[in-house]
N, C-alpha and C. Protein backbone atom coordinates (compact mmCIF):
# COMPACT_ATOMS: atom_id res chain seq x y z
N UNK A 1 0.86 -1.18 0.03
CA UNK A 1 0.00 0.01 -0.02
C UNK A 1 0.84 1.31 -0.05
N UNK A 2 0.66 2.08 -1.04
CA UNK A 2 1.47 3.39 -1.05
C UNK A 2 1.30 4.16 0.17
N UNK A 3 2.36 4.89 0.62
CA UNK A 3 2.48 5.57 1.95
C UNK A 3 1.34 6.61 1.98
N UNK A 4 1.00 7.43 0.81
CA UNK A 4 0.13 8.45 0.91
C UNK A 4 -1.34 7.79 1.12
N UNK A 5 -1.58 6.65 0.47
CA UNK A 5 -2.88 5.98 0.58
C UNK A 5 -3.00 5.48 1.99
N UNK A 6 -1.98 4.92 2.57
CA UNK A 6 -2.00 4.40 3.89
C UNK A 6 -2.31 5.49 4.82
N UNK A 7 -1.58 6.69 4.68
CA UNK A 7 -1.94 7.75 5.65
C UNK A 7 -3.37 8.28 5.61
N UNK A 8 -3.92 8.24 4.34
CA UNK A 8 -5.43 8.64 4.20
C UNK A 8 -6.27 7.64 4.84
N UNK A 9 -5.91 6.35 4.91
CA UNK A 9 -6.76 5.34 5.42
C UNK A 9 -6.65 5.46 6.94
N UNK A 10 -5.40 5.78 7.56
CA UNK A 10 -5.28 6.02 8.93
C UNK A 10 -6.10 7.15 9.47
N UNK A 11 -6.01 8.24 8.68
CA UNK A 11 -6.74 9.44 9.06
C UNK A 11 -8.27 9.16 9.02
N UNK A 12 -8.74 8.35 8.10
CA UNK A 12 -10.15 8.03 7.96
C UNK A 12 -10.60 7.19 9.13
N UNK A 13 -9.77 6.24 9.65
CA UNK A 13 -10.12 5.43 10.84
C UNK A 13 -10.02 6.39 12.00
N UNK A 14 -9.11 7.21 12.28
CA UNK A 14 -9.06 8.11 13.36
C UNK A 14 -10.27 9.10 13.31
N UNK A 15 -10.69 9.47 12.23
CA UNK A 15 -11.94 10.36 12.15
C UNK A 15 -13.07 9.62 12.60
N UNK A 16 -13.28 8.28 12.21
CA UNK A 16 -14.42 7.48 12.60
C UNK A 16 -14.34 7.18 14.12
N UNK A 17 -13.10 7.09 14.66
CA UNK A 17 -13.16 6.91 16.16
C UNK A 17 -13.44 8.18 16.84
N UNK A 18 -13.10 9.32 16.41
CA UNK A 18 -13.33 10.59 16.82
C UNK A 18 -14.99 10.81 16.88
N UNK A 19 -15.51 10.45 15.75
CA UNK A 19 -17.01 10.47 15.75
C UNK A 19 -17.70 9.60 16.73
N UNK A 20 -17.18 8.46 16.83
CA UNK A 20 -17.73 7.51 17.88
C UNK A 20 -17.56 8.13 19.31
N UNK A 21 -16.44 8.79 19.60
CA UNK A 21 -16.26 9.15 20.82
C UNK A 21 -17.02 10.46 21.21
N UNK A 22 -17.29 11.25 20.11
CA UNK A 22 -18.08 12.37 20.34
C UNK A 22 -19.46 12.08 20.92
N UNK A 23 -19.92 10.83 20.45
CA UNK A 23 -21.26 10.42 21.12
C UNK A 23 -21.30 10.19 22.53
N UNK A 24 -20.09 10.23 23.22
CA UNK A 24 -19.98 10.02 24.61
C UNK A 24 -20.27 11.23 25.34
N UNK A 25 -20.29 12.35 24.67
CA UNK A 25 -20.51 13.66 25.26
C UNK A 25 -19.52 14.02 26.44
N UNK A 26 -18.42 13.70 26.11
CA UNK A 26 -17.14 14.11 26.92
C UNK A 26 -17.14 13.27 28.20
N UNK A 27 -17.84 12.06 28.20
CA UNK A 27 -17.95 11.29 29.39
C UNK A 27 -18.45 11.87 30.60
N UNK A 28 -19.27 13.01 30.38
CA UNK A 28 -19.81 13.67 31.61
C UNK A 28 -21.03 12.80 32.28
N UNK A 29 -21.02 12.99 33.56
CA UNK A 29 -22.17 12.41 34.37
C UNK A 29 -22.32 11.08 34.14
N UNK A 30 -21.39 10.22 34.10
CA UNK A 30 -21.53 8.83 33.85
C UNK A 30 -22.17 8.06 35.04
N UNK A 31 -22.30 8.72 36.22
CA UNK A 31 -22.98 8.12 37.33
C UNK A 31 -24.47 8.13 36.99
N UNK A 32 -24.92 8.82 36.05
CA UNK A 32 -26.22 8.72 35.55
C UNK A 32 -26.44 7.59 34.54
N UNK A 33 -27.37 6.83 34.70
CA UNK A 33 -27.52 5.62 33.74
C UNK A 33 -27.52 5.92 32.30
N UNK A 34 -28.24 6.89 31.96
CA UNK A 34 -28.37 7.24 30.60
C UNK A 34 -27.12 7.62 29.99
N UNK A 35 -26.32 8.37 30.69
CA UNK A 35 -24.97 8.83 30.29
C UNK A 35 -23.91 7.83 30.24
N UNK A 36 -24.07 6.91 31.27
CA UNK A 36 -23.17 5.76 31.32
C UNK A 36 -23.41 4.86 29.95
N UNK A 37 -24.61 4.64 29.61
CA UNK A 37 -24.98 3.79 28.57
C UNK A 37 -24.46 4.55 27.16
N UNK A 38 -24.48 5.78 27.15
CA UNK A 38 -23.95 6.56 26.01
C UNK A 38 -22.40 6.28 25.85
N UNK A 39 -21.87 6.40 26.92
CA UNK A 39 -20.35 6.25 26.96
C UNK A 39 -20.10 4.76 26.64
N UNK A 40 -20.66 3.87 27.22
CA UNK A 40 -20.48 2.42 26.88
C UNK A 40 -20.68 2.10 25.41
N UNK A 41 -21.67 2.71 24.88
CA UNK A 41 -22.08 2.55 23.42
C UNK A 41 -20.92 3.17 22.59
N UNK A 42 -20.41 4.27 22.94
CA UNK A 42 -19.27 4.85 22.19
C UNK A 42 -18.09 3.90 22.25
N UNK A 43 -17.72 3.34 23.51
CA UNK A 43 -16.56 2.46 23.59
C UNK A 43 -16.84 1.24 22.69
N UNK A 44 -18.01 0.67 22.79
CA UNK A 44 -18.33 -0.43 21.91
C UNK A 44 -18.18 -0.16 20.37
N UNK A 45 -18.54 0.97 20.00
CA UNK A 45 -18.40 1.41 18.60
C UNK A 45 -16.88 1.46 18.15
N UNK A 46 -16.07 1.92 19.09
CA UNK A 46 -14.66 2.13 18.87
C UNK A 46 -14.07 0.66 18.68
N UNK A 47 -14.42 -0.28 19.63
CA UNK A 47 -14.00 -1.66 19.57
C UNK A 47 -14.43 -2.31 18.24
N UNK A 48 -15.70 -2.06 17.82
CA UNK A 48 -16.17 -2.62 16.59
C UNK A 48 -15.38 -2.15 15.39
N UNK A 49 -15.13 -0.79 15.32
CA UNK A 49 -14.43 -0.22 14.25
C UNK A 49 -12.96 -0.78 14.25
N UNK A 50 -12.32 -0.76 15.30
CA UNK A 50 -10.96 -1.28 15.37
C UNK A 50 -10.92 -2.87 14.97
N UNK A 51 -11.84 -3.48 15.34
CA UNK A 51 -11.91 -4.98 15.01
C UNK A 51 -11.98 -5.20 13.58
N UNK A 52 -12.91 -4.35 12.92
CA UNK A 52 -12.96 -4.47 11.48
C UNK A 52 -11.71 -4.12 10.81
N UNK A 53 -11.00 -3.06 11.28
CA UNK A 53 -9.77 -2.52 10.63
C UNK A 53 -8.72 -3.68 10.71
N UNK A 54 -8.69 -4.33 11.89
CA UNK A 54 -7.68 -5.39 12.08
C UNK A 54 -7.90 -6.53 11.12
N UNK A 55 -9.25 -6.96 10.91
CA UNK A 55 -9.55 -8.10 10.05
C UNK A 55 -9.12 -7.70 8.58
N UNK A 56 -9.22 -6.54 8.12
CA UNK A 56 -8.90 -6.08 6.85
C UNK A 56 -7.48 -5.88 6.60
N UNK A 57 -6.84 -5.14 7.62
CA UNK A 57 -5.46 -4.71 7.40
C UNK A 57 -4.42 -5.84 7.78
N UNK A 58 -4.72 -6.59 8.68
CA UNK A 58 -3.64 -7.49 9.20
C UNK A 58 -3.18 -8.57 8.23
N UNK A 59 -4.03 -9.24 7.24
CA UNK A 59 -3.73 -10.08 6.36
C UNK A 59 -2.95 -9.42 5.13
N UNK A 60 -3.35 -8.11 4.91
CA UNK A 60 -2.80 -7.44 3.73
C UNK A 60 -1.37 -6.72 3.88
N UNK A 61 -1.19 -6.33 5.10
CA UNK A 61 -0.03 -5.48 5.30
C UNK A 61 1.25 -6.29 5.84
N UNK A 62 2.28 -5.79 5.58
CA UNK A 62 3.60 -6.33 6.22
C UNK A 62 3.40 -6.14 7.70
N UNK A 63 4.02 -7.08 8.57
CA UNK A 63 3.77 -6.93 10.00
C UNK A 63 4.24 -5.58 10.59
N UNK A 64 5.34 -5.12 10.04
CA UNK A 64 5.80 -3.78 10.59
C UNK A 64 4.91 -2.66 10.15
N UNK A 65 4.36 -2.74 8.98
CA UNK A 65 3.38 -1.71 8.54
C UNK A 65 2.09 -1.74 9.41
N UNK A 66 1.57 -2.95 9.65
CA UNK A 66 0.40 -3.06 10.41
C UNK A 66 0.66 -2.56 11.88
N UNK A 67 1.73 -2.97 12.41
CA UNK A 67 2.01 -2.52 13.65
C UNK A 67 2.14 -1.00 13.81
N UNK A 68 2.84 -0.45 12.97
CA UNK A 68 2.98 1.05 12.98
C UNK A 68 1.73 1.78 12.79
N UNK A 69 0.92 1.38 11.92
CA UNK A 69 -0.45 1.93 11.55
C UNK A 69 -1.27 1.76 12.68
N UNK A 70 -1.50 0.63 13.28
CA UNK A 70 -2.49 0.36 14.38
C UNK A 70 -1.95 1.18 15.66
N UNK A 71 -0.63 1.25 15.77
CA UNK A 71 -0.22 1.96 16.98
C UNK A 71 -0.60 3.45 16.87
N UNK A 72 -0.36 4.05 15.77
CA UNK A 72 -0.83 5.45 15.42
C UNK A 72 -2.29 5.61 15.84
N UNK A 73 -3.01 4.74 15.36
CA UNK A 73 -4.52 4.85 15.63
C UNK A 73 -4.84 4.68 17.11
N UNK A 74 -4.26 3.67 17.56
CA UNK A 74 -4.51 3.48 19.08
C UNK A 74 -3.98 4.56 20.01
N UNK A 75 -2.80 5.20 19.65
CA UNK A 75 -2.40 6.21 20.40
C UNK A 75 -3.28 7.48 20.29
N UNK A 76 -3.83 7.58 19.15
CA UNK A 76 -4.74 8.81 18.81
C UNK A 76 -6.03 8.55 19.80
N UNK A 77 -6.48 7.30 19.82
CA UNK A 77 -7.80 7.05 20.49
C UNK A 77 -7.49 7.13 22.08
N UNK A 78 -6.36 6.54 22.61
CA UNK A 78 -6.13 6.66 23.97
C UNK A 78 -5.78 8.14 24.42
N UNK A 79 -5.15 8.91 23.50
CA UNK A 79 -4.92 10.36 23.88
C UNK A 79 -6.24 11.04 23.87
N UNK A 80 -7.23 10.81 23.04
CA UNK A 80 -8.45 11.51 23.11
C UNK A 80 -9.31 11.14 24.31
N UNK A 81 -9.41 9.94 24.60
CA UNK A 81 -10.22 9.55 25.79
C UNK A 81 -9.63 10.05 27.09
N UNK A 82 -8.38 10.08 27.21
CA UNK A 82 -7.60 10.56 28.36
C UNK A 82 -7.85 12.10 28.48
N UNK A 83 -7.72 12.79 27.24
CA UNK A 83 -7.87 14.16 27.36
C UNK A 83 -9.37 14.50 27.76
N UNK A 84 -10.34 13.78 27.26
CA UNK A 84 -11.70 14.04 27.66
C UNK A 84 -11.96 13.83 29.21
N UNK A 85 -11.45 12.83 29.70
CA UNK A 85 -11.54 12.42 31.09
C UNK A 85 -10.86 13.53 32.00
N UNK A 86 -9.76 14.03 31.58
CA UNK A 86 -9.04 15.02 32.26
C UNK A 86 -9.59 16.45 32.28
N UNK A 87 -10.47 16.63 31.38
CA UNK A 87 -11.27 17.99 31.28
C UNK A 87 -12.59 17.84 32.15
N UNK A 88 -12.95 16.79 32.67
CA UNK A 88 -14.04 16.76 33.53
C UNK A 88 -13.82 17.40 34.82
N UNK A 89 -14.77 18.14 35.41
CA UNK A 89 -14.54 18.91 36.69
C UNK A 89 -15.75 18.43 37.71
N UNK A 90 -15.48 18.61 38.92
CA UNK A 90 -16.60 18.35 39.88
C UNK A 90 -17.19 16.96 39.90
N UNK A 91 -16.34 15.99 39.92
CA UNK A 91 -16.84 14.58 39.79
C UNK A 91 -17.27 14.02 41.06
N UNK A 92 -18.45 13.35 40.92
CA UNK A 92 -19.01 12.68 42.13
C UNK A 92 -18.21 11.42 42.39
N UNK A 93 -18.28 10.88 43.54
CA UNK A 93 -17.64 9.63 43.88
C UNK A 93 -17.93 8.48 43.04
N UNK A 94 -19.26 8.34 42.89
CA UNK A 94 -19.71 7.13 41.98
C UNK A 94 -19.31 7.42 40.54
N UNK A 95 -19.21 8.65 40.14
CA UNK A 95 -18.89 8.98 38.80
C UNK A 95 -17.35 8.46 38.56
N UNK A 96 -16.40 8.74 39.47
CA UNK A 96 -15.05 8.34 39.37
C UNK A 96 -15.00 6.82 39.13
N UNK A 97 -15.86 5.99 39.88
CA UNK A 97 -15.80 4.56 39.84
C UNK A 97 -16.39 4.15 38.39
N UNK A 98 -17.36 4.84 37.88
CA UNK A 98 -17.96 4.50 36.64
C UNK A 98 -16.94 4.76 35.58
N UNK A 99 -16.13 5.85 35.60
CA UNK A 99 -15.13 6.16 34.69
C UNK A 99 -14.03 5.11 34.71
N UNK A 100 -13.67 4.72 35.83
CA UNK A 100 -12.63 3.74 36.00
C UNK A 100 -13.16 2.34 35.44
N UNK A 101 -14.37 2.05 35.58
CA UNK A 101 -15.08 0.91 35.00
C UNK A 101 -15.01 0.96 33.41
N UNK A 102 -15.25 2.18 32.84
CA UNK A 102 -15.28 2.30 31.41
C UNK A 102 -13.80 2.04 30.84
N UNK A 103 -12.96 2.52 31.50
CA UNK A 103 -11.52 2.44 31.03
C UNK A 103 -11.16 0.93 31.05
N UNK A 104 -11.36 0.30 32.16
CA UNK A 104 -11.07 -1.12 32.26
C UNK A 104 -11.82 -1.94 31.21
N UNK A 105 -13.15 -1.57 30.94
CA UNK A 105 -13.89 -2.29 30.01
C UNK A 105 -13.32 -2.10 28.54
N UNK A 106 -12.88 -0.84 28.25
CA UNK A 106 -12.27 -0.56 26.98
C UNK A 106 -11.02 -1.35 26.76
N UNK A 107 -10.17 -1.31 27.84
CA UNK A 107 -8.87 -2.04 27.70
C UNK A 107 -9.10 -3.63 27.57
N UNK A 108 -10.04 -4.12 28.23
CA UNK A 108 -10.27 -5.53 28.15
C UNK A 108 -10.76 -5.89 26.86
N UNK A 109 -11.71 -5.20 26.36
CA UNK A 109 -12.21 -5.44 24.94
C UNK A 109 -11.17 -5.33 23.81
N UNK A 110 -10.24 -4.43 24.11
CA UNK A 110 -9.27 -4.18 23.02
C UNK A 110 -7.98 -5.06 23.24
N UNK A 111 -7.97 -5.95 24.20
CA UNK A 111 -6.77 -6.87 24.51
C UNK A 111 -6.46 -7.71 23.28
N UNK A 112 -7.41 -8.23 22.61
CA UNK A 112 -6.99 -9.02 21.40
C UNK A 112 -6.28 -8.15 20.38
N UNK A 113 -6.60 -6.87 20.24
CA UNK A 113 -5.95 -6.07 19.38
C UNK A 113 -4.45 -5.74 19.88
N UNK A 114 -4.37 -5.54 21.18
CA UNK A 114 -3.00 -5.43 21.70
C UNK A 114 -2.16 -6.60 21.35
N UNK A 115 -2.68 -7.73 21.44
CA UNK A 115 -1.92 -9.00 21.12
C UNK A 115 -1.46 -9.01 19.76
N UNK A 116 -2.27 -8.48 18.87
CA UNK A 116 -1.86 -8.45 17.40
C UNK A 116 -0.86 -7.37 17.23
N UNK A 117 -0.75 -6.44 17.99
CA UNK A 117 0.33 -5.36 17.85
C UNK A 117 1.71 -5.73 18.39
N UNK A 118 1.70 -6.64 19.51
CA UNK A 118 2.90 -7.01 20.14
C UNK A 118 3.38 -8.35 19.66
N UNK A 119 2.67 -8.99 18.75
CA UNK A 119 3.04 -10.27 18.15
C UNK A 119 4.08 -9.99 17.06
N UNK A 120 5.29 -10.53 17.22
CA UNK A 120 6.25 -10.40 16.13
C UNK A 120 6.48 -11.50 15.36
N UNK A 121 6.23 -11.39 13.96
CA UNK A 121 6.32 -12.49 13.01
C UNK A 121 7.66 -12.65 12.26
N UNK A 122 8.35 -13.68 12.45
CA UNK A 122 9.67 -13.86 11.80
C UNK A 122 9.50 -14.33 10.36
N UNK A 123 9.74 -13.58 9.36
CA UNK A 123 9.62 -13.82 7.97
C UNK A 123 10.52 -15.04 7.59
N UNK A 124 11.57 -15.17 8.33
CA UNK A 124 12.41 -16.28 7.94
C UNK A 124 11.84 -17.61 8.25
N UNK A 125 11.26 -17.82 9.43
CA UNK A 125 10.90 -19.22 9.69
C UNK A 125 9.41 -19.22 9.97
N UNK A 126 8.73 -18.13 9.82
CA UNK A 126 7.19 -17.95 9.93
C UNK A 126 6.80 -18.36 11.30
N UNK A 127 7.68 -18.30 12.33
CA UNK A 127 7.28 -18.54 13.69
C UNK A 127 6.82 -17.28 14.37
N UNK A 128 5.89 -17.49 15.36
CA UNK A 128 5.32 -16.39 16.03
C UNK A 128 5.87 -16.42 17.43
N UNK A 129 6.58 -15.32 17.92
CA UNK A 129 6.91 -15.27 19.22
C UNK A 129 6.36 -14.08 19.90
N UNK A 130 6.14 -14.29 21.25
CA UNK A 130 5.55 -13.18 21.93
C UNK A 130 6.55 -12.22 22.54
N UNK A 131 6.30 -11.08 22.39
CA UNK A 131 7.10 -9.99 23.04
C UNK A 131 6.53 -9.68 24.28
N UNK A 132 7.39 -9.32 25.28
CA UNK A 132 6.96 -8.98 26.62
C UNK A 132 5.92 -7.80 26.46
N UNK A 133 4.74 -8.02 27.20
CA UNK A 133 3.70 -7.04 27.29
C UNK A 133 4.21 -5.57 27.75
N UNK A 134 5.30 -5.48 28.35
CA UNK A 134 5.76 -4.30 28.77
C UNK A 134 6.14 -3.38 27.43
N UNK A 135 6.27 -4.05 26.27
CA UNK A 135 6.60 -3.31 25.04
C UNK A 135 5.44 -2.52 24.67
N UNK A 136 4.22 -2.81 25.15
CA UNK A 136 3.10 -2.03 24.87
C UNK A 136 3.34 -0.56 25.40
N UNK A 137 3.95 -0.35 26.46
CA UNK A 137 4.14 1.00 26.99
C UNK A 137 4.99 1.76 26.11
N UNK A 138 5.96 1.09 25.35
CA UNK A 138 6.87 1.78 24.49
C UNK A 138 6.07 1.98 23.14
N UNK A 139 5.29 1.11 22.71
CA UNK A 139 4.55 1.33 21.46
C UNK A 139 3.44 2.28 21.60
N UNK A 140 2.74 2.20 22.82
CA UNK A 140 1.65 3.03 22.98
C UNK A 140 1.78 3.82 24.31
N UNK A 141 2.49 5.00 24.26
CA UNK A 141 2.74 5.69 25.42
C UNK A 141 1.47 6.24 26.05
N UNK A 142 0.48 6.61 25.21
CA UNK A 142 -0.88 7.03 25.71
C UNK A 142 -1.54 6.05 26.36
N UNK A 143 -1.35 4.79 26.19
CA UNK A 143 -2.01 3.73 26.93
C UNK A 143 -1.51 3.63 28.37
N UNK A 144 -0.27 3.92 28.61
CA UNK A 144 0.37 3.94 29.90
C UNK A 144 -0.33 4.99 30.72
N UNK A 145 -0.60 6.15 30.12
CA UNK A 145 -1.14 7.32 30.77
C UNK A 145 -2.62 7.03 31.13
N UNK A 146 -3.35 6.32 30.25
CA UNK A 146 -4.74 6.12 30.44
C UNK A 146 -4.77 5.03 31.65
N UNK A 147 -3.94 4.07 31.56
CA UNK A 147 -4.02 3.03 32.72
C UNK A 147 -3.74 3.65 34.04
N UNK A 148 -2.85 4.66 34.08
CA UNK A 148 -2.49 5.27 35.33
C UNK A 148 -3.63 6.10 35.81
N UNK A 149 -4.34 6.73 34.78
CA UNK A 149 -5.49 7.58 35.09
C UNK A 149 -6.58 6.69 35.72
N UNK A 150 -6.78 5.57 35.24
CA UNK A 150 -7.75 4.56 35.79
C UNK A 150 -7.35 4.30 37.38
N UNK A 151 -6.17 4.21 37.63
CA UNK A 151 -5.68 3.97 38.93
C UNK A 151 -5.97 5.14 39.96
N UNK A 152 -5.70 6.34 39.28
CA UNK A 152 -5.92 7.55 40.11
C UNK A 152 -7.38 7.67 40.56
N UNK A 153 -8.39 7.12 39.84
CA UNK A 153 -9.72 7.48 40.17
C UNK A 153 -10.15 6.92 41.52
N UNK A 154 -9.48 5.96 42.08
CA UNK A 154 -9.78 5.51 43.39
C UNK A 154 -8.64 5.51 44.34
N UNK A 155 -7.72 6.38 44.02
CA UNK A 155 -6.45 6.48 44.85
C UNK A 155 -6.59 7.62 45.82
N UNK A 156 -6.23 7.58 47.13
CA UNK A 156 -6.22 8.57 48.01
C UNK A 156 -5.38 9.77 47.59
N UNK A 157 -5.79 11.02 48.16
CA UNK A 157 -5.19 12.19 47.75
C UNK A 157 -3.65 12.22 48.07
N UNK A 158 -3.30 11.75 49.19
CA UNK A 158 -1.86 11.71 49.53
C UNK A 158 -1.19 10.81 48.66
N UNK A 159 -1.57 9.72 48.26
CA UNK A 159 -0.96 8.78 47.39
C UNK A 159 -0.75 9.39 45.96
N UNK A 160 -1.69 10.05 45.39
CA UNK A 160 -1.63 10.81 44.19
C UNK A 160 -0.42 11.81 44.32
N UNK A 161 -0.42 12.61 45.34
CA UNK A 161 0.62 13.59 45.63
C UNK A 161 2.13 12.91 45.67
N UNK A 162 2.07 11.79 46.43
CA UNK A 162 3.40 11.15 46.53
C UNK A 162 3.91 10.64 45.18
N UNK A 163 3.04 9.92 44.44
CA UNK A 163 3.63 9.37 43.11
C UNK A 163 3.86 10.55 42.09
N UNK A 164 3.25 11.81 42.41
CA UNK A 164 3.61 12.93 41.42
C UNK A 164 4.99 13.32 41.87
N UNK A 165 5.26 13.40 43.18
CA UNK A 165 6.61 13.92 43.58
C UNK A 165 7.65 12.91 43.32
N UNK A 166 7.31 11.56 43.07
CA UNK A 166 8.26 10.55 42.79
C UNK A 166 8.67 10.69 41.28
N UNK A 167 7.86 11.45 40.52
CA UNK A 167 8.15 11.48 39.17
C UNK A 167 7.42 10.51 38.21
N UNK A 168 6.76 9.60 38.87
CA UNK A 168 6.10 8.50 38.14
C UNK A 168 5.04 8.97 37.29
N UNK A 169 4.25 9.91 37.80
CA UNK A 169 3.14 10.44 36.88
C UNK A 169 3.75 11.18 35.68
N UNK A 170 4.74 11.97 35.83
CA UNK A 170 5.27 12.70 34.82
C UNK A 170 5.93 11.73 33.71
N UNK A 171 6.45 10.64 34.24
CA UNK A 171 6.91 9.60 33.31
C UNK A 171 5.75 8.99 32.48
N UNK A 172 4.56 8.95 32.97
CA UNK A 172 3.50 8.45 32.24
C UNK A 172 2.81 9.48 31.21
N UNK A 173 3.35 10.73 31.41
CA UNK A 173 2.92 11.77 30.44
C UNK A 173 2.04 12.78 31.02
N UNK A 174 1.84 12.83 32.36
CA UNK A 174 0.97 13.83 33.12
C UNK A 174 1.70 15.13 33.26
N UNK A 175 1.04 16.18 33.11
CA UNK A 175 1.67 17.53 33.48
C UNK A 175 1.17 17.75 34.90
N UNK A 176 1.89 18.73 35.54
CA UNK A 176 1.43 19.24 36.97
C UNK A 176 0.05 19.91 36.85
N UNK A 177 -0.28 20.51 35.86
CA UNK A 177 -1.51 21.11 35.67
C UNK A 177 -2.71 20.15 35.63
N UNK A 178 -2.40 19.13 34.85
CA UNK A 178 -3.42 18.03 34.75
C UNK A 178 -3.69 17.36 36.12
N UNK A 179 -2.59 17.09 36.80
CA UNK A 179 -2.76 16.36 38.14
C UNK A 179 -3.53 17.44 39.13
N UNK A 180 -3.13 18.69 39.10
CA UNK A 180 -3.84 19.59 40.02
C UNK A 180 -5.25 19.72 39.61
N UNK A 181 -5.65 19.84 38.31
CA UNK A 181 -7.03 19.85 37.85
C UNK A 181 -7.90 18.67 38.25
N UNK A 182 -7.13 17.53 38.10
CA UNK A 182 -7.78 16.18 38.51
C UNK A 182 -8.06 16.22 39.97
N UNK A 183 -7.13 16.66 40.82
CA UNK A 183 -7.42 16.67 42.32
C UNK A 183 -8.53 17.72 42.62
N UNK A 184 -8.63 18.82 42.00
CA UNK A 184 -9.62 19.65 42.16
C UNK A 184 -11.09 19.19 41.71
N UNK A 185 -11.08 18.40 40.75
CA UNK A 185 -12.36 17.78 40.28
C UNK A 185 -12.81 16.60 41.16
N UNK A 186 -11.91 15.78 41.75
CA UNK A 186 -12.22 14.70 42.46
C UNK A 186 -12.43 14.87 43.92
N UNK A 187 -11.58 15.73 44.48
CA UNK A 187 -11.47 15.89 45.98
C UNK A 187 -12.08 17.35 46.32
N UNK A 188 -12.86 17.38 47.45
CA UNK A 188 -13.47 18.62 47.89
C UNK A 188 -12.36 19.44 48.51
N UNK A 189 -12.67 20.77 48.56
CA UNK A 189 -11.77 21.89 49.13
C UNK A 189 -11.52 21.40 50.61
N UNK A 190 -10.33 21.39 51.08
CA UNK A 190 -9.88 21.11 52.40
C UNK A 190 -8.43 21.59 52.60
N UNK A 191 -8.00 21.61 53.81
CA UNK A 191 -6.64 21.98 54.14
C UNK A 191 -5.69 21.01 53.61
N UNK A 192 -6.05 19.70 53.56
CA UNK A 192 -5.30 18.66 53.00
C UNK A 192 -5.04 18.90 51.49
N UNK A 193 -6.25 19.20 50.86
CA UNK A 193 -6.10 19.43 49.46
C UNK A 193 -5.25 20.64 49.07
N UNK A 194 -5.36 21.77 49.76
CA UNK A 194 -4.50 22.81 49.57
C UNK A 194 -3.05 22.49 49.76
N UNK A 195 -2.70 21.64 50.79
CA UNK A 195 -1.45 21.25 51.01
C UNK A 195 -0.80 20.52 49.84
N UNK A 196 -1.57 19.54 49.47
CA UNK A 196 -1.23 18.53 48.39
C UNK A 196 -1.03 19.37 47.05
N UNK A 197 -1.92 20.31 46.72
CA UNK A 197 -1.81 21.22 45.57
C UNK A 197 -0.54 21.89 45.65
N UNK A 198 -0.26 22.51 46.77
CA UNK A 198 1.03 23.20 47.04
C UNK A 198 2.24 22.40 46.74
N UNK A 199 2.22 21.12 47.23
CA UNK A 199 3.32 20.21 47.07
C UNK A 199 3.57 19.91 45.62
N UNK A 200 2.40 19.71 44.85
CA UNK A 200 2.55 19.39 43.48
C UNK A 200 3.09 20.65 42.67
N UNK A 201 2.66 21.83 43.00
CA UNK A 201 3.10 23.06 42.32
C UNK A 201 4.59 23.35 42.69
N UNK A 202 5.05 22.78 43.80
CA UNK A 202 6.37 22.99 44.30
C UNK A 202 7.47 21.98 43.74
N UNK A 203 6.78 20.91 43.12
CA UNK A 203 7.65 19.96 42.42
C UNK A 203 7.38 19.78 40.95
N UNK A 204 7.11 20.84 40.25
CA UNK A 204 6.65 20.90 38.81
C UNK A 204 7.90 20.35 38.07
N UNK A 205 7.64 19.50 37.01
CA UNK A 205 8.75 19.02 36.16
C UNK A 205 8.81 19.66 34.90
């Protein structure tokens, strides 16, 4: 497949995924049943689209081209969903659990696709060998950030502050402002929140 045609196909898929995610209405108010169902439907649409793309592309493309193309698409998807979730404000406790549930659901349903991305095919002997799943973090940096965001949804405030100070969140791609905004959205105003926000601002990377 010529490179220009391939790029057009990739952009077409990314556009379809964006359209599907637009239906989630920014993942707002997922503690309400109707909104949660909208978000779930959007995730299922994404999974369906990516599944169809895999069925068509994987047999036709060289392994390296398939891996590169699918990683571009997946990174785009994970970046978009993470951005939407980090833009939410004033989240209810039940809402954070529902958002965490949505992330886990999406990752579970996409696990066969991850397998196709990390499977390396040797053209010489046609044997398939499994690459360490940790390679996913290298191939899909936005996935690492989304996974960590899922963890943050039920993490105590002090723990979030500590892992920011350790540099772990920055290594996953979080900025100090993203972490500060997340804390303001999830935790009510209190002396502890003020202290933790000050600590984060004091250790900006």
